[in-house]
């Protein structure tokens, strides 16, 4: 995956790469408030329908969790 530092993703300017994992890369982006983390799937996994379905299921579960100490995604 090419480094996204200095580019804009979903309207947020990417400041620096924070981490790279098995499935994605995490970047710090500028926002009007606190710094924002942006996760981007690896290029080779974006076209994998089964993997994308698994990611979508995981996000659905995560979005259902509500707690005052958690940030809403």
PDB file of N, CA and C in Angstrom:
ATOM      1  N   UNK A   1       0.845  -1.171   0.000  1.00  0.00           N
ATOM      2  CA  UNK A   1       0.000   0.000   0.000  1.00  0.00           C
ATOM      3  C   UNK A   1       0.892   1.235   0.000  1.00  0.00           C
ATOM      4  N   UNK A   2       0.509   2.207  -0.779  1.00  0.00           N
ATOM      5  CA  UNK A   2       1.281   3.442  -0.802  1.00  0.00           C
ATOM      6  C   UNK A   2       0.956   4.279   0.435  1.00  0.00           C
ATOM      7  N   UNK A   3       1.918   5.032   0.882  1.00  0.00           N
ATOM      8  CA  UNK A   3       1.753   5.882   2.057  1.00  0.00           C
ATOM      9  C   UNK A   3       0.787   7.024   1.723  1.00  0.00           C
ATOM     10  N   UNK A   4      -0.204   7.236   2.569  1.00  0.00           N
ATOM     11  CA  UNK A   4      -1.204   8.274   2.339  1.00  0.00           C
ATOM     12  C   UNK A   4      -0.866   9.604   3.017  1.00  0.00           C
ATOM     13  N   UNK A   5       0.268   9.670   3.689  1.00  0.00           N
ATOM     14  CA  UNK A   5       0.666  10.911   4.369  1.00  0.00           C
ATOM     15  C   UNK A   5       0.697  12.056   3.374  1.00  0.00           C
ATOM     16  N   UNK A   6       0.053  13.166   3.741  1.00  0.00           N
ATOM     17  CA  UNK A   6      -0.006  14.337   2.881  1.00  0.00           C
ATOM     18  C   UNK A   6      -1.192  14.341   1.929  1.00  0.00           C
ATOM     19  N   UNK A   7      -1.938  13.247   1.873  1.00  0.00           N
ATOM     20  CA  UNK A   7      -3.123  13.172   1.015  1.00  0.00           C
ATOM     21  C   UNK A   7      -4.374  13.382   1.852  1.00  0.00           C
ATOM     22  N   UNK A   8      -5.516  13.456   1.207  1.00  0.00           N
ATOM     23  CA  UNK A   8      -6.790  13.622   1.895  1.00  0.00           C
ATOM     24  C   UNK A   8      -7.629  12.370   1.696  1.00  0.00           C
ATOM     25  N   UNK A   9      -8.174  11.845   2.791  1.00  0.00           N
ATOM     26  CA  UNK A   9      -9.032  10.660   2.754  1.00  0.00           C
ATOM     27  C   UNK A   9     -10.347  11.022   3.426  1.00  0.00           C
ATOM     28  N   UNK A  10     -11.442  10.831   2.715  1.00  0.00           N
ATOM     29  CA  UNK A  10     -12.784  11.128   3.249  1.00  0.00           C
ATOM     30  C   UNK A  10     -12.874  12.552   3.787  1.00  0.00           C
ATOM     31  N   UNK A  11     -12.150  13.461   3.170  1.00  0.00           N
ATOM     32  CA  UNK A  11     -12.194  14.865   3.574  1.00  0.00           C
ATOM     33  C   UNK A  11     -11.247  15.242   4.705  1.00  0.00           C
ATOM     34  N   UNK A  12     -10.457  14.288   5.177  1.00  0.00           N
ATOM     35  CA  UNK A  12      -9.529  14.551   6.281  1.00  0.00           C
ATOM     36  C   UNK A  12      -8.090  14.511   5.790  1.00  0.00           C
ATOM     37  N   UNK A  13      -7.311  15.568   6.033  1.00  0.00           N
ATOM     38  CA  UNK A  13      -5.891  15.557   5.652  1.00  0.00           C
ATOM     39  C   UNK A  13      -5.107  14.573   6.524  1.00  0.00           C
ATOM     40  N   UNK A  14      -4.391  13.666   5.875  1.00  0.00           N
ATOM     41  CA  UNK A  14      -3.612  12.656   6.587  1.00  0.00           C
ATOM     42  C   UNK A  14      -2.279  13.266   7.002  1.00  0.00           C
ATOM     43  N   UNK A  15      -1.985  13.207   8.304  1.00  0.00           N
ATOM     44  CA  UNK A  15      -0.768  13.809   8.843  1.00  0.00           C
ATOM     45  C   UNK A  15       0.395  12.824   8.913  1.00  0.00           C
ATOM     46  N   UNK A  16       0.113  11.593   9.395  1.00  0.00           N
ATOM     47  CA  UNK A  16       1.198  10.617   9.504  1.00  0.00           C
ATOM     48  C   UNK A  16       0.621   9.218   9.676  1.00  0.00           C
ATOM     49  N   UNK A  17       1.440   8.212   9.319  1.00  0.00           N
ATOM     50  CA  UNK A  17       1.048   6.816   9.528  1.00  0.00           C
ATOM     51  C   UNK A  17       1.380   6.448  10.969  1.00  0.00           C
ATOM     52  N   UNK A  18       0.417   5.845  11.647  1.00  0.00           N
ATOM     53  CA  UNK A  18       0.607   5.449  13.040  1.00  0.00           C
ATOM     54  C   UNK A  18       1.006   3.989  13.174  1.00  0.00           C
ATOM     55  N   UNK A  19       0.408   3.127  12.332  1.00  0.00           N
ATOM     56  CA  UNK A  19       0.638   1.698  12.485  1.00  0.00           C
ATOM     57  C   UNK A  19       0.265   0.983  11.197  1.00  0.00           C
ATOM     58  N   UNK A  20       0.845  -0.165  11.004  1.00  0.00           N
ATOM     59  CA  UNK A  20       0.522  -1.009   9.863  1.00  0.00           C
ATOM     60  C   UNK A  20       0.290  -2.416  10.378  1.00  0.00           C
ATOM     61  N   UNK A  21      -0.873  -2.993  10.058  1.00  0.00           N
ATOM     62  CA  UNK A  21      -1.199  -4.322  10.549  1.00  0.00           C
ATOM     63  C   UNK A  21      -1.346  -5.322   9.423  1.00  0.00           C
ATOM     64  N   UNK A  22      -1.862  -6.479   9.758  1.00  0.00           N
ATOM     65  CA  UNK A  22      -2.031  -7.547   8.776  1.00  0.00           C
ATOM     66  C   UNK A  22      -3.092  -7.207   7.742  1.00  0.00           C
ATOM     67  N   UNK A  23      -4.092  -6.420   8.136  1.00  0.00           N
ATOM     68  CA  UNK A  23      -5.212  -6.134   7.248  1.00  0.00           C
ATOM     69  C   UNK A  23      -5.359  -4.667   6.858  1.00  0.00           C
ATOM     70  N   UNK A  24      -4.746  -3.795   7.595  1.00  0.00           N
ATOM     71  CA  UNK A  24      -4.960  -2.375   7.325  1.00  0.00           C
ATOM     72  C   UNK A  24      -3.790  -1.529   7.793  1.00  0.00           C
ATOM     73  N   UNK A  25      -3.880  -0.245   7.490  1.00  0.00           N
ATOM     74  CA  UNK A  25      -2.935   0.746   7.999  1.00  0.00           C
ATOM     75  C   UNK A  25      -3.738   1.813   8.726  1.00  0.00           C
ATOM     76  N   UNK A  26      -3.158   2.357   9.787  1.00  0.00           N
ATOM     77  CA  UNK A  26      -3.826   3.372  10.586  1.00  0.00           C
ATOM     78  C   UNK A  26      -3.031   4.669  10.475  1.00  0.00           C
ATOM     79  N   UNK A  27      -3.752   5.740  10.163  1.00  0.00           N
ATOM     80  CA  UNK A  27      -3.150   7.058   9.997  1.00  0.00           C
ATOM     81  C   UNK A  27      -3.769   8.052  10.965  1.00  0.00           C
ATOM     82  N   UNK A  28      -3.011   9.076  11.299  1.00  0.00           N
ATOM     83  CA  UNK A  28      -3.541  10.201  12.060  1.00  0.00           C
ATOM     84  C   UNK A  28      -3.937  11.269  11.056  1.00  0.00           C
ATOM     85  N   UNK A  29      -5.162  11.764  11.204  1.00  0.00           N
ATOM     86  CA  UNK A  29      -5.666  12.797  10.306  1.00  0.00           C
ATOM     87  C   UNK A  29      -6.025  14.041  11.098  1.00  0.00           C
ATOM     88  N   UNK A  30      -5.965  15.181  10.436  1.00  0.00           N
ATOM     89  CA  UNK A  30      -6.344  16.440  11.067  1.00  0.00           C
ATOM     90  C   UNK A  30      -7.865  16.576  11.046  1.00  0.00           C
ATOM     91  N   UNK A  31      -8.406  17.123  12.108  1.00  0.00           N
ATOM     92  CA  UNK A  31      -9.839  17.419  12.174  1.00  0.00           C
ATOM     93  C   UNK A  31     -10.011  18.711  12.947  1.00  0.00           C
ATOM     94  N   UNK A  32     -11.233  19.210  12.993  1.00  0.00           N
ATOM     95  CA  UNK A  32     -11.477  20.465  13.709  1.00  0.00           C
ATOM     96  C   UNK A  32     -11.366  20.284  15.219  1.00  0.00           C
ATOM     97  N   UNK A  33     -11.485  19.057  15.697  1.00  0.00           N
ATOM     98  CA  UNK A  33     -11.366  18.763  17.125  1.00  0.00           C
ATOM     99  C   UNK A  33     -10.068  18.049  17.414  1.00  0.00           C
ATOM    100  N   UNK A  34     -10.174  16.961  18.142  1.00  0.00           N
ATOM    101  CA  UNK A  34      -9.007  16.149  18.486  1.00  0.00           C
ATOM    102  C   UNK A  34      -8.506  15.401  17.254  1.00  0.00           C
ATOM    103  N   UNK A  35      -7.247  14.935  17.280  1.00  0.00           N
ATOM    104  CA  UNK A  35      -6.746  14.141  16.157  1.00  0.00           C
ATOM    105  C   UNK A  35      -7.660  12.944  15.888  1.00  0.00           C
ATOM    106  N   UNK A  36      -7.727  12.546  14.656  1.00  0.00           N
ATOM    107  CA  UNK A  36      -8.627  11.493  14.213  1.00  0.00           C
ATOM    108  C   UNK A  36      -7.817  10.337  13.648  1.00  0.00           C
ATOM    109  N   UNK A  37      -8.202   9.103  13.968  1.00  0.00           N
ATOM    110  CA  UNK A  37      -7.547   7.935  13.394  1.00  0.00           C
ATOM    111  C   UNK A  37      -8.353   7.459  12.191  1.00  0.00           C
ATOM    112  N   UNK A  38      -7.659   7.175  11.095  1.00  0.00           N
ATOM    113  CA  UNK A  38      -8.288   6.675   9.876  1.00  0.00           C
ATOM    114  C   UNK A  38      -7.671   5.318   9.565  1.00  0.00           C
ATOM    115  N   UNK A  39      -8.521   4.298   9.438  1.00  0.00           N
ATOM    116  CA  UNK A  39      -8.055   2.951   9.099  1.00  0.00           C
ATOM    117  C   UNK A  39      -8.361   2.701   7.629  1.00  0.00           C
ATOM    118  N   UNK A  40      -7.368   2.206   6.915  1.00  0.00           N
ATOM    119  CA  UNK A  40      -7.504   1.940   5.483  1.00  0.00           C
ATOM    120  C   UNK A  40      -7.122   0.490   5.221  1.00  0.00           C
ATOM    121  N   UNK A  41      -8.032  -0.250   4.571  1.00  0.00           N
ATOM    122  CA  UNK A  41      -7.735  -1.643   4.238  1.00  0.00           C
ATOM    123  C   UNK A  41      -6.588  -1.719   3.245  1.00  0.00           C
ATOM    124  N   UNK A  42      -5.823  -2.793   3.335  1.00  0.00           N
ATOM    125  CA  UNK A  42      -4.748  -3.027   2.368  1.00  0.00           C
ATOM    126  C   UNK A  42      -5.341  -3.131   0.967  1.00  0.00           C
ATOM    127  N   UNK A  43      -4.584  -2.701  -0.025  1.00  0.00           N
ATOM    128  CA  UNK A  43      -5.033  -2.720  -1.413  1.00  0.00           C
ATOM    129  C   UNK A  43      -5.491  -4.101  -1.861  1.00  0.00           C
ATOM    130  N   UNK A  44      -4.742  -5.138  -1.527  1.00  0.00           N
ATOM    131  CA  UNK A  44      -5.049  -6.477  -2.008  1.00  0.00           C
ATOM    132  C   UNK A  44      -6.287  -7.091  -1.350  1.00  0.00           C
ATOM    133  N   UNK A  45      -6.786  -6.496  -0.273  1.00  0.00           N
ATOM    134  CA  UNK A  45      -7.966  -7.028   0.400  1.00  0.00           C
ATOM    135  C   UNK A  45      -9.248  -6.287   0.038  1.00  0.00           C
ATOM    136  N   UNK A  46      -9.142  -5.155  -0.610  1.00  0.00           N
ATOM    137  CA  UNK A  46     -10.337  -4.357  -0.923  1.00  0.00           C
ATOM    138  C   UNK A  46     -11.295  -5.079  -1.851  1.00  0.00           C
ATOM    139  N   UNK A  47     -10.797  -5.927  -2.736  1.00  0.00           N
ATOM    140  CA  UNK A  47     -11.655  -6.636  -3.676  1.00  0.00           C
ATOM    141  C   UNK A  47     -12.144  -7.984  -3.176  1.00  0.00           C
ATOM    142  N   UNK A  48     -11.755  -8.392  -1.994  1.00  0.00           N
ATOM    143  CA  UNK A  48     -12.122  -9.686  -1.427  1.00  0.00           C
ATOM    144  C   UNK A  48     -13.497  -9.572  -0.758  1.00  0.00           C
ATOM    145  N   UNK A  49     -14.528 -10.087  -1.430  1.00  0.00           N
ATOM    146  CA  UNK A  49     -15.904  -9.930  -0.929  1.00  0.00           C
ATOM    147  C   UNK A  49     -16.115 -10.589   0.430  1.00  0.00           C
ATOM    148  N   UNK A  50     -15.550 -11.770   0.642  1.00  0.00           N
ATOM    149  CA  UNK A  50     -15.713 -12.463   1.928  1.00  0.00           C
ATOM    150  C   UNK A  50     -15.052 -11.669   3.054  1.00  0.00           C
ATOM    151  N   UNK A  51     -13.854 -11.147   2.784  1.00  0.00           N
ATOM    152  CA  UNK A  51     -13.163 -10.357   3.798  1.00  0.00           C
ATOM    153  C   UNK A  51     -13.938  -9.079   4.100  1.00  0.00           C
ATOM    154  N   UNK A  52     -14.422  -8.403   3.061  1.00  0.00           N
ATOM    155  CA  UNK A  52     -15.187  -7.168   3.259  1.00  0.00           C
ATOM    156  C   UNK A  52     -16.466  -7.424   4.048  1.00  0.00           C
ATOM    157  N   UNK A  53     -17.123  -8.564   3.808  1.00  0.00           N
ATOM    158  CA  UNK A  53     -18.319  -8.915   4.569  1.00  0.00           C
ATOM    159  C   UNK A  53     -17.977  -9.129   6.036  1.00  0.00           C
ATOM    160  N   UNK A  54     -16.840  -9.771   6.306  1.00  0.00           N
ATOM    161  CA  UNK A  54     -16.412  -9.994   7.696  1.00  0.00           C
ATOM    162  C   UNK A  54     -16.109  -8.673   8.392  1.00  0.00           C
ATOM    163  N   UNK A  55     -15.464  -7.753   7.682  1.00  0.00           N
ATOM    164  CA  UNK A  55     -15.176  -6.428   8.249  1.00  0.00           C
ATOM    165  C   UNK A  55     -16.477  -5.690   8.542  1.00  0.00           C
ATOM    166  N   UNK A  56     -17.428  -5.760   7.617  1.00  0.00           N
ATOM    167  CA  UNK A  56     -18.721  -5.092   7.815  1.00  0.00           C
ATOM    168  C   UNK A  56     -19.451  -5.662   9.037  1.00  0.00           C
ATOM    169  N   UNK A  57     -19.410  -6.988   9.204  1.00  0.00           N
ATOM    170  CA  UNK A  57     -20.046  -7.600  10.389  1.00  0.00           C
ATOM    171  C   UNK A  57     -19.370  -7.122  11.667  1.00  0.00           C
ATOM    172  N   UNK A  58     -18.047  -7.051  11.649  1.00  0.00           N
ATOM    173  CA  UNK A  58     -17.309  -6.581  12.826  1.00  0.00           C
ATOM    174  C   UNK A  58     -17.664  -5.144  13.185  1.00  0.00           C
ATOM    175  N   UNK A  59     -17.776  -4.281  12.171  1.00  0.00           N
ATOM    176  CA  UNK A  59     -18.157  -2.886  12.430  1.00  0.00           C
ATOM    177  C   UNK A  59     -19.584  -2.794  12.949  1.00  0.00           C
ATOM    178  N   UNK A  60     -20.486  -3.630  12.432  1.00  0.00           N
ATOM    179  CA  UNK A  60     -21.872  -3.616  12.913  1.00  0.00           C
ATOM    180  C   UNK A  60     -21.925  -3.951  14.393  1.00  0.00           C
ATOM    181  N   UNK A  61     -21.141  -4.921  14.814  1.00  0.00           N
ATOM    182  CA  UNK A  61     -21.088  -5.291  16.235  1.00  0.00           C
ATOM    183  C   UNK A  61     -20.498  -4.140  17.047  1.00  0.00           C
ATOM    184  N   UNK A  62     -19.400  -3.559  16.565  1.00  0.00           N
ATOM    185  CA  UNK A  62     -18.749  -2.470  17.295  1.00  0.00           C
ATOM    186  C   UNK A  62     -19.657  -1.249  17.418  1.00  0.00           C
ATOM    187  N   UNK A  63     -20.410  -0.944  16.368  1.00  0.00           N
ATOM    188  CA  UNK A  63     -21.295   0.219  16.400  1.00  0.00           C
ATOM    189  C   UNK A  63     -22.464   0.039  17.355  1.00  0.00           C
ATOM    190  N   UNK A  64     -22.799  -1.201  17.666  1.00  0.00           N
ATOM    191  CA  UNK A  64     -23.914  -1.475  18.573  1.00  0.00           C
ATOM    192  C   UNK A  64     -23.525  -1.276  20.038  1.00  0.00           C
ATOM    193  N   UNK A  65     -22.238  -1.165  20.318  1.00  0.00           N
ATOM    194  CA  UNK A  65     -21.774  -0.996  21.695  1.00  0.00           C
ATOM    195  C   UNK A  65     -21.869   0.476  22.082  1.00  0.00           C
ATOM    196  N   UNK A  66     -22.528   0.732  23.196  1.00  0.00           N
ATOM    197  CA  UNK A  66     -22.649   2.107  23.699  1.00  0.00           C
ATOM    198  C   UNK A  66     -22.156   2.154  25.137  1.00  0.00           C
ATOM    199  N   UNK A  67     -21.219   3.046  25.403  1.00  0.00           N
ATOM    200  CA  UNK A  67     -20.679   3.188  26.756  1.00  0.00           C
ATOM    201  C   UNK A  67     -20.110   4.600  26.859  1.00  0.00           C
ATOM    202  N   UNK A  68     -20.246   5.270  27.998  1.00  0.00           N
ATOM    203  CA  UNK A  68     -19.773   6.642  28.130  1.00  0.00           C
ATOM    204  C   UNK A  68     -18.255   6.796  27.949  1.00  0.00           C
ATOM    205  N   UNK A  69     -17.495   5.713  28.120  1.00  0.00           N
ATOM    206  CA  UNK A  69     -16.048   5.799  27.975  1.00  0.00           C
ATOM    207  C   UNK A  69     -15.565   5.414  26.585  1.00  0.00           C
ATOM    208  N   UNK A  70     -16.492   5.165  25.654  1.00  0.00           N
ATOM    209  CA  UNK A  70     -16.131   4.811  24.280  1.00  0.00           C
ATOM    210  C   UNK A  70     -16.525   5.938  23.327  1.00  0.00           C
ATOM    211  N   UNK A  71     -15.695   6.126  22.330  1.00  0.00           N
ATOM    212  CA  UNK A  71     -15.982   7.113  21.292  1.00  0.00           C
ATOM    213  C   UNK A  71     -16.869   6.449  20.249  1.00  0.00           C
ATOM    214  N   UNK A  72     -17.892   7.133  19.811  1.00  0.00           N
ATOM    215  CA  UNK A  72     -18.769   6.603  18.782  1.00  0.00           C
ATOM    216  C   UNK A  72     -18.062   6.617  17.436  1.00  0.00           C
ATOM    217  N   UNK A  73     -18.143   5.494  16.733  1.00  0.00           N
ATOM    218  CA  UNK A  73     -17.515   5.404  15.399  1.00  0.00           C
ATOM    219  C   UNK A  73     -18.494   5.860  14.348  1.00  0.00           C
TER     220      UNK A  73
END
